[in-house]
Amino acid sequence: MIVLGLTGSIGMGKSATAKMFAEAGVPVHDSDETVHRLYSGKAAPLVEAAFPGTTQAGVVDRVRLAGKVLGDPAALKQLEAIVHPLVRADADAFLAKHRAAGAPLAVLDIPLLFETGGRGRVDKVVVVTASPEIQRVRVLARPGMSEEKFASILAKQVPDAEKRRQADFIIDTGHGFEAARKAVEAVIVELTGDKSGRHGS
């Protein structure tokens, strides 16, 4: 089974692209969704122990947690030390399940793949990109987003040009959904040789 890492900077269309892989029948593991699930399960007591008062009824309150860790690199590192191993274990179980089912291809959707040294966990990397102008418009349209916040997020991410340089495949989402869907299909065909358009295991 080929493990494909899917990544891209903020506002590049990664979530929409992950959905296209899933719609084509490829199993997709979503790191953000996993964190969400862990915050109302396994991770909640660990986060509460490290950051008292950040959970309610056994679920992590993301606003309270953000209040404790944002702008505090040491606290952020502490949180990552709790969450990252749990996400990784979840991804490993996901891969084992689909490998056993005989899936030819599985996708790990990892927002910070290059930033967290995830390159070694995947066989190939697809980077989702768009022009800086499109990226800016998309990100600034998000609720609660400001120029300052956007700049600070970008500063923490490996630059788009560097991601593209390290990519095995690049999908440009700036040309509309249809073009992106065709690009996704081309990646799947190249990796699996399956031209049927349905790639489930």
C-alpha atoms as a PDB file:
ATOM      1  CA  MET A   1       0.000   0.000   0.000  1.00  0.00           C
ATOM      2  CA  ILE A   2       1.309   3.446  -0.914  1.00  0.00           C
ATOM      3  CA  VAL A   3       1.014   6.076   1.817  1.00  0.00           C
ATOM      4  CA  LEU A   4       0.495   9.546   0.363  1.00  0.00           C
ATOM      5  CA  GLY A   5       1.054  12.583   2.576  1.00  0.00           C
ATOM      6  CA  LEU A   6      -1.261  15.496   1.774  1.00  0.00           C
ATOM      7  CA  THR A   7      -0.206  18.931   2.965  1.00  0.00           C
ATOM      8  CA  GLY A   8      -0.321  22.615   2.125  1.00  0.00           C
ATOM      9  CA  SER A   9      -0.159  26.020   3.777  1.00  0.00           C
ATOM     10  CA  ILE A  10      -3.213  27.725   5.257  1.00  0.00           C
ATOM     11  CA  GLY A  11      -5.891  28.691   2.718  1.00  0.00           C
ATOM     12  CA  MET A  12      -4.483  26.556  -0.102  1.00  0.00           C
ATOM     13  CA  GLY A  13      -7.510  24.235  -0.337  1.00  0.00           C
ATOM     14  CA  LYS A  14      -6.126  21.185   1.435  1.00  0.00           C
ATOM     15  CA  SER A  15      -9.385  20.162   3.131  1.00  0.00           C
ATOM     16  CA  ALA A  16     -11.324  20.370  -0.137  1.00  0.00           C
ATOM     17  CA  THR A  17      -8.615  18.314  -1.861  1.00  0.00           C
ATOM     18  CA  ALA A  18      -8.662  15.681   0.895  1.00  0.00           C
ATOM     19  CA  LYS A  19     -12.419  15.409   0.342  1.00  0.00           C
ATOM     20  CA  MET A  20     -11.805  14.778  -3.384  1.00  0.00           C
ATOM     21  CA  PHE A  21      -9.477  11.867  -2.568  1.00  0.00           C
ATOM     22  CA  ALA A  22     -12.130  10.464  -0.214  1.00  0.00           C
ATOM     23  CA  GLU A  23     -14.865  10.900  -2.846  1.00  0.00           C
ATOM     24  CA  ALA A  24     -12.681   8.937  -5.280  1.00  0.00           C
ATOM     25  CA  GLY A  25     -12.694   6.047  -2.795  1.00  0.00           C
ATOM     26  CA  VAL A  26      -9.230   6.550  -1.288  1.00  0.00           C
ATOM     27  CA  PRO A  27      -9.088   6.158   2.518  1.00  0.00           C
ATOM     28  CA  VAL A  28      -8.125   9.534   4.070  1.00  0.00           C
ATOM     29  CA  HIS A  29      -6.897  10.113   7.628  1.00  0.00           C
ATOM     30  CA  ASP A  30      -7.542  13.711   8.690  1.00  0.00           C
ATOM     31  CA  SER A  31      -5.217  14.956  11.461  1.00  0.00           C
ATOM     32  CA  ASP A  32      -7.442  17.929  12.368  1.00  0.00           C
ATOM     33  CA  GLU A  33     -10.535  15.731  12.645  1.00  0.00           C
ATOM     34  CA  THR A  34      -8.535  13.265  14.773  1.00  0.00           C
ATOM     35  CA  VAL A  35      -7.491  16.029  17.185  1.00  0.00           C
ATOM     36  CA  HIS A  36     -11.140  17.060  17.435  1.00  0.00           C
ATOM     37  CA  ARG A  37     -12.100  13.475  18.293  1.00  0.00           C
ATOM     38  CA  LEU A  38      -9.235  13.099  20.785  1.00  0.00           C
ATOM     39  CA  TYR A  39     -10.251  16.334  22.521  1.00  0.00           C
ATOM     40  CA  SER A  40     -13.571  14.765  23.453  1.00  0.00           C
ATOM     41  CA  GLY A  41     -11.957  11.425  24.343  1.00  0.00           C
ATOM     42  CA  LYS A  42      -8.481  10.112  25.090  1.00  0.00           C
ATOM     43  CA  ALA A  43      -6.664  13.471  25.130  1.00  0.00           C
ATOM     44  CA  ALA A  44      -9.116  15.353  27.374  1.00  0.00           C
ATOM     45  CA  PRO A  45      -7.903  14.100  30.805  1.00  0.00           C
ATOM     46  CA  LEU A  46      -4.258  14.512  29.736  1.00  0.00           C
ATOM     47  CA  VAL A  47      -4.858  18.086  28.563  1.00  0.00           C
ATOM     48  CA  GLU A  48      -6.790  18.892  31.771  1.00  0.00           C
ATOM     49  CA  ALA A  49      -3.919  17.519  33.892  1.00  0.00           C
ATOM     50  CA  ALA A  50      -1.393  19.687  32.041  1.00  0.00           C
ATOM     51  CA  PHE A  51      -3.624  22.767  31.727  1.00  0.00           C
ATOM     52  CA  PRO A  52      -6.199  22.761  34.573  1.00  0.00           C
ATOM     53  CA  GLY A  53      -9.542  24.350  33.765  1.00  0.00           C
ATOM     54  CA  THR A  54      -9.371  23.766  30.003  1.00  0.00           C
ATOM     55  CA  THR A  55     -12.024  21.023  29.816  1.00  0.00           C
ATOM     56  CA  GLN A  56     -15.749  21.021  30.417  1.00  0.00           C
ATOM     57  CA  ALA A  57     -17.707  17.799  30.966  1.00  0.00           C
ATOM     58  CA  GLY A  58     -14.716  15.757  29.793  1.00  0.00           C
ATOM     59  CA  VAL A  59     -14.259  17.711  26.546  1.00  0.00           C
ATOM     60  CA  VAL A  60     -11.436  20.133  25.801  1.00  0.00           C
ATOM     61  CA  ASP A  61     -12.695  23.695  25.478  1.00  0.00           C
ATOM     62  CA  ARG A  62     -10.573  24.942  22.575  1.00  0.00           C
ATOM     63  CA  VAL A  63     -11.095  28.622  23.444  1.00  0.00           C
ATOM     64  CA  ARG A  64      -9.897  28.135  27.028  1.00  0.00           C
ATOM     65  CA  LEU A  65      -6.998  25.993  25.835  1.00  0.00           C
ATOM     66  CA  ALA A  66      -5.982  28.623  23.280  1.00  0.00           C
ATOM     67  CA  GLY A  67      -5.973  31.178  26.105  1.00  0.00           C
ATOM     68  CA  LYS A  68      -3.395  29.071  27.956  1.00  0.00           C
ATOM     69  CA  VAL A  69      -1.058  28.110  25.104  1.00  0.00           C
ATOM     70  CA  LEU A  70      -1.174  30.822  22.432  1.00  0.00           C
ATOM     71  CA  GLY A  71       1.853  33.060  22.595  1.00  0.00           C
ATOM     72  CA  ASP A  72       3.567  30.664  25.031  1.00  0.00           C
ATOM     73  CA  PRO A  73       6.028  28.458  23.106  1.00  0.00           C
ATOM     74  CA  ALA A  74       6.761  26.231  26.123  1.00  0.00           C
ATOM     75  CA  ALA A  75       3.047  25.564  26.747  1.00  0.00           C
ATOM     76  CA  LEU A  76       2.498  24.904  23.047  1.00  0.00           C
ATOM     77  CA  LYS A  77       5.356  22.385  23.062  1.00  0.00           C
ATOM     78  CA  GLN A  78       3.825  20.701  26.103  1.00  0.00           C
ATOM     79  CA  LEU A  79       0.457  20.439  24.344  1.00  0.00           C
ATOM     80  CA  GLU A  80       2.081  19.043  21.179  1.00  0.00           C
ATOM     81  CA  ALA A  81       3.900  16.435  23.295  1.00  0.00           C
ATOM     82  CA  ILE A  82       0.480  15.223  24.473  1.00  0.00           C
ATOM     83  CA  VAL A  83      -1.432  15.434  21.192  1.00  0.00           C
ATOM     84  CA  HIS A  84       1.065  14.481  18.443  1.00  0.00           C
ATOM     85  CA  PRO A  85       1.788  10.917  19.696  1.00  0.00           C
ATOM     86  CA  LEU A  86      -1.965  10.246  20.008  1.00  0.00           C
ATOM     87  CA  VAL A  87      -2.634  11.500  16.475  1.00  0.00           C
ATOM     88  CA  ARG A  88       0.260   9.424  15.179  1.00  0.00           C
ATOM     89  CA  ALA A  89      -1.003   6.269  16.927  1.00  0.00           C
ATOM     90  CA  ASP A  90      -4.448   6.888  15.436  1.00  0.00           C
ATOM     91  CA  ALA A  91      -2.903   7.273  11.961  1.00  0.00           C
ATOM     92  CA  ASP A  92      -0.858   4.080  12.398  1.00  0.00           C
ATOM     93  CA  ALA A  93      -4.010   2.129  13.332  1.00  0.00           C
ATOM     94  CA  PHE A  94      -5.803   3.632  10.308  1.00  0.00           C
ATOM     95  CA  LEU A  95      -2.975   2.564   7.967  1.00  0.00           C
ATOM     96  CA  ALA A  96      -2.811  -0.938   9.460  1.00  0.00           C
ATOM     97  CA  LYS A  97      -6.569  -1.377   8.958  1.00  0.00           C
ATOM     98  CA  HIS A  98      -6.509  -0.324   5.295  1.00  0.00           C
ATOM     99  CA  ARG A  99      -3.305  -2.247   4.571  1.00  0.00           C
ATOM    100  CA  ALA A 100      -5.015  -5.369   5.913  1.00  0.00           C
ATOM    101  CA  ALA A 101      -8.065  -4.606   3.744  1.00  0.00           C
ATOM    102  CA  GLY A 102      -5.824  -4.515   0.677  1.00  0.00           C
ATOM    103  CA  ALA A 103      -6.158  -0.812  -0.148  1.00  0.00           C
ATOM    104  CA  PRO A 104      -3.609   0.164  -2.834  1.00  0.00           C
ATOM    105  CA  LEU A 105      -3.381   3.756  -1.585  1.00  0.00           C
ATOM    106  CA  ALA A 106      -4.132   5.688   1.609  1.00  0.00           C
ATOM    107  CA  VAL A 107      -3.820   9.402   2.327  1.00  0.00           C
ATOM    108  CA  LEU A 108      -2.533  11.002   5.532  1.00  0.00           C
ATOM    109  CA  ASP A 109      -3.806  14.594   5.618  1.00  0.00           C
ATOM    110  CA  ILE A 110      -1.111  16.292   7.734  1.00  0.00           C
ATOM    111  CA  PRO A 111      -1.323  20.117   7.805  1.00  0.00           C
ATOM    112  CA  LEU A 112       2.226  20.539   9.173  1.00  0.00           C
ATOM    113  CA  LEU A 113       3.852  17.578   7.429  1.00  0.00           C
ATOM    114  CA  PHE A 114       7.176  19.312   6.698  1.00  0.00           C
ATOM    115  CA  GLU A 115       7.140  21.347   9.915  1.00  0.00           C
ATOM    116  CA  THR A 116       6.758  18.265  12.133  1.00  0.00           C
ATOM    117  CA  GLY A 117       9.214  16.010  10.265  1.00  0.00           C
ATOM    118  CA  GLY A 118       6.437  13.832   8.851  1.00  0.00           C
ATOM    119  CA  ARG A 119       8.178  13.267   5.503  1.00  0.00           C
ATOM    120  CA  GLY A 120       9.647   9.954   6.672  1.00  0.00           C
ATOM    121  CA  ARG A 121       6.204   8.539   7.499  1.00  0.00           C
ATOM    122  CA  VAL A 122       4.907   8.700   3.930  1.00  0.00           C
ATOM    123  CA  ASP A 123       6.006   7.291   0.564  1.00  0.00           C
ATOM    124  CA  LYS A 124       4.999  10.301  -1.531  1.00  0.00           C
ATOM    125  CA  VAL A 125       3.903  13.867  -0.811  1.00  0.00           C
ATOM    126  CA  VAL A 126       1.253  15.912  -2.588  1.00  0.00           C
ATOM    127  CA  VAL A 127       1.338  19.643  -1.874  1.00  0.00           C
ATOM    128  CA  VAL A 128      -1.803  21.716  -2.380  1.00  0.00           C
ATOM    129  CA  THR A 129      -1.077  25.239  -3.535  1.00  0.00           C
ATOM    130  CA  ALA A 130      -2.630  28.421  -4.972  1.00  0.00           C
ATOM    131  CA  SER A 131      -1.391  31.914  -5.763  1.00  0.00           C
ATOM    132  CA  PRO A 132      -0.566  34.190  -2.779  1.00  0.00           C
ATOM    133  CA  GLU A 133      -3.455  36.451  -3.872  1.00  0.00           C
ATOM    134  CA  ILE A 134      -6.015  33.612  -3.778  1.00  0.00           C
ATOM    135  CA  GLN A 135      -4.570  32.350  -0.486  1.00  0.00           C
ATOM    136  CA  ARG A 136      -4.879  35.805   1.112  1.00  0.00           C
ATOM    137  CA  VAL A 137      -8.503  36.271  -0.030  1.00  0.00           C
ATOM    138  CA  ARG A 138      -9.492  32.808   1.271  1.00  0.00           C
ATOM    139  CA  VAL A 139      -7.784  33.176   4.645  1.00  0.00           C
ATOM    140  CA  LEU A 140      -8.930  36.728   5.378  1.00  0.00           C
ATOM    141  CA  ALA A 141     -12.518  35.654   4.640  1.00  0.00           C
ATOM    142  CA  ARG A 142     -12.395  33.269   7.624  1.00  0.00           C
ATOM    143  CA  PRO A 143     -14.223  34.359  10.785  1.00  0.00           C
ATOM    144  CA  GLY A 144     -11.928  35.967  13.358  1.00  0.00           C
ATOM    145  CA  MET A 145      -8.995  36.226  10.960  1.00  0.00           C
ATOM    146  CA  SER A 146      -6.872  39.377  10.775  1.00  0.00           C
ATOM    147  CA  GLU A 147      -3.815  40.444   8.773  1.00  0.00           C
ATOM    148  CA  GLU A 148      -1.683  40.035  11.927  1.00  0.00           C
ATOM    149  CA  LYS A 149      -3.005  36.558  12.674  1.00  0.00           C
ATOM    150  CA  PHE A 150      -2.493  35.500   9.058  1.00  0.00           C
ATOM    151  CA  ALA A 151       1.096  36.819   9.082  1.00  0.00           C
ATOM    152  CA  SER A 152       1.857  34.997  12.335  1.00  0.00           C
ATOM    153  CA  ILE A 153       0.463  31.680  10.979  1.00  0.00           C
ATOM    154  CA  LEU A 154       2.487  32.045   7.774  1.00  0.00           C
ATOM    155  CA  ALA A 155       5.642  32.774   9.768  1.00  0.00           C
ATOM    156  CA  LYS A 156       5.321  29.383  11.501  1.00  0.00           C
ATOM    157  CA  GLN A 157       4.804  27.426   8.268  1.00  0.00           C
ATOM    158  CA  VAL A 158       7.419  26.234   5.791  1.00  0.00           C
ATOM    159  CA  PRO A 159       7.052  28.617   2.788  1.00  0.00           C
ATOM    160  CA  ASP A 160       4.850  27.405  -0.057  1.00  0.00           C
ATOM    161  CA  ALA A 161       7.746  27.533  -2.552  1.00  0.00           C
ATOM    162  CA  GLU A 162       9.821  25.231  -0.328  1.00  0.00           C
ATOM    163  CA  LYS A 163       6.900  22.809   0.081  1.00  0.00           C
ATOM    164  CA  ARG A 164       6.435  22.690  -3.684  1.00  0.00           C
ATOM    165  CA  ARG A 165      10.160  22.052  -4.134  1.00  0.00           C
ATOM    166  CA  GLN A 166       9.941  18.989  -1.867  1.00  0.00           C
ATOM    167  CA  ALA A 167       6.659  17.677  -3.293  1.00  0.00           C
ATOM    168  CA  ASP A 168       6.247  14.602  -5.483  1.00  0.00           C
ATOM    169  CA  PHE A 169       2.938  16.018  -6.775  1.00  0.00           C
ATOM    170  CA  ILE A 170       1.505  19.545  -6.793  1.00  0.00           C
ATOM    171  CA  ILE A 171      -2.213  20.295  -6.998  1.00  0.00           C
ATOM    172  CA  ASP A 172      -3.060  23.930  -7.743  1.00  0.00           C
ATOM    173  CA  THR A 173      -6.540  24.692  -6.375  1.00  0.00           C
ATOM    174  CA  GLY A 174      -6.610  28.176  -7.900  1.00  0.00           C
ATOM    175  CA  HIS A 175      -8.226  26.971 -11.144  1.00  0.00           C
ATOM    176  CA  GLY A 176     -11.529  25.755  -9.687  1.00  0.00           C
ATOM    177  CA  PHE A 177     -12.892  22.467  -8.365  1.00  0.00           C
ATOM    178  CA  GLU A 178     -13.019  20.634 -11.678  1.00  0.00           C
ATOM    179  CA  ALA A 179      -9.331  21.189 -12.429  1.00  0.00           C
ATOM    180  CA  ALA A 180      -8.394  20.144  -8.886  1.00  0.00           C
ATOM    181  CA  ARG A 181     -10.539  16.997  -9.158  1.00  0.00           C
ATOM    182  CA  LYS A 182      -8.798  16.053 -12.430  1.00  0.00           C
ATOM    183  CA  ALA A 183      -5.407  16.588 -10.770  1.00  0.00           C
ATOM    184  CA  VAL A 184      -6.426  14.346  -7.845  1.00  0.00           C
ATOM    185  CA  GLU A 185      -7.528  11.639 -10.277  1.00  0.00           C
ATOM    186  CA  ALA A 186      -4.206  11.918 -12.159  1.00  0.00           C
ATOM    187  CA  VAL A 187      -2.252  11.422  -8.902  1.00  0.00           C
ATOM    188  CA  ILE A 188      -4.336   8.356  -8.008  1.00  0.00           C
ATOM    189  CA  VAL A 189      -3.897   6.828 -11.477  1.00  0.00           C
ATOM    190  CA  GLU A 190      -0.149   7.447 -11.428  1.00  0.00           C
ATOM    191  CA  LEU A 191       0.260   5.827  -7.995  1.00  0.00           C
ATOM    192  CA  THR A 192      -2.116   2.882  -8.417  1.00  0.00           C
ATOM    193  CA  GLY A 193      -2.441   2.388 -12.178  1.00  0.00           C
ATOM    194  CA  ASP A 194      -6.206   2.205 -11.602  1.00  0.00           C
ATOM    195  CA  LYS A 195      -8.079   4.243 -14.222  1.00  0.00           C
ATOM    196  CA  SER A 196     -11.573   3.115 -13.181  1.00  0.00           C
ATOM    197  CA  GLY A 197     -12.329   6.281 -11.181  1.00  0.00           C
ATOM    198  CA  ARG A 198     -13.314   4.222  -8.110  1.00  0.00           C
ATOM    199  CA  HIS A 199     -10.419   3.398  -5.851  1.00  0.00           C
ATOM    200  CA  GLY A 200     -11.904   1.909  -2.705  1.00  0.00           C
ATOM    201  CA  SER A 201     -10.389  -1.210  -1.152  1.00  0.00           C
END
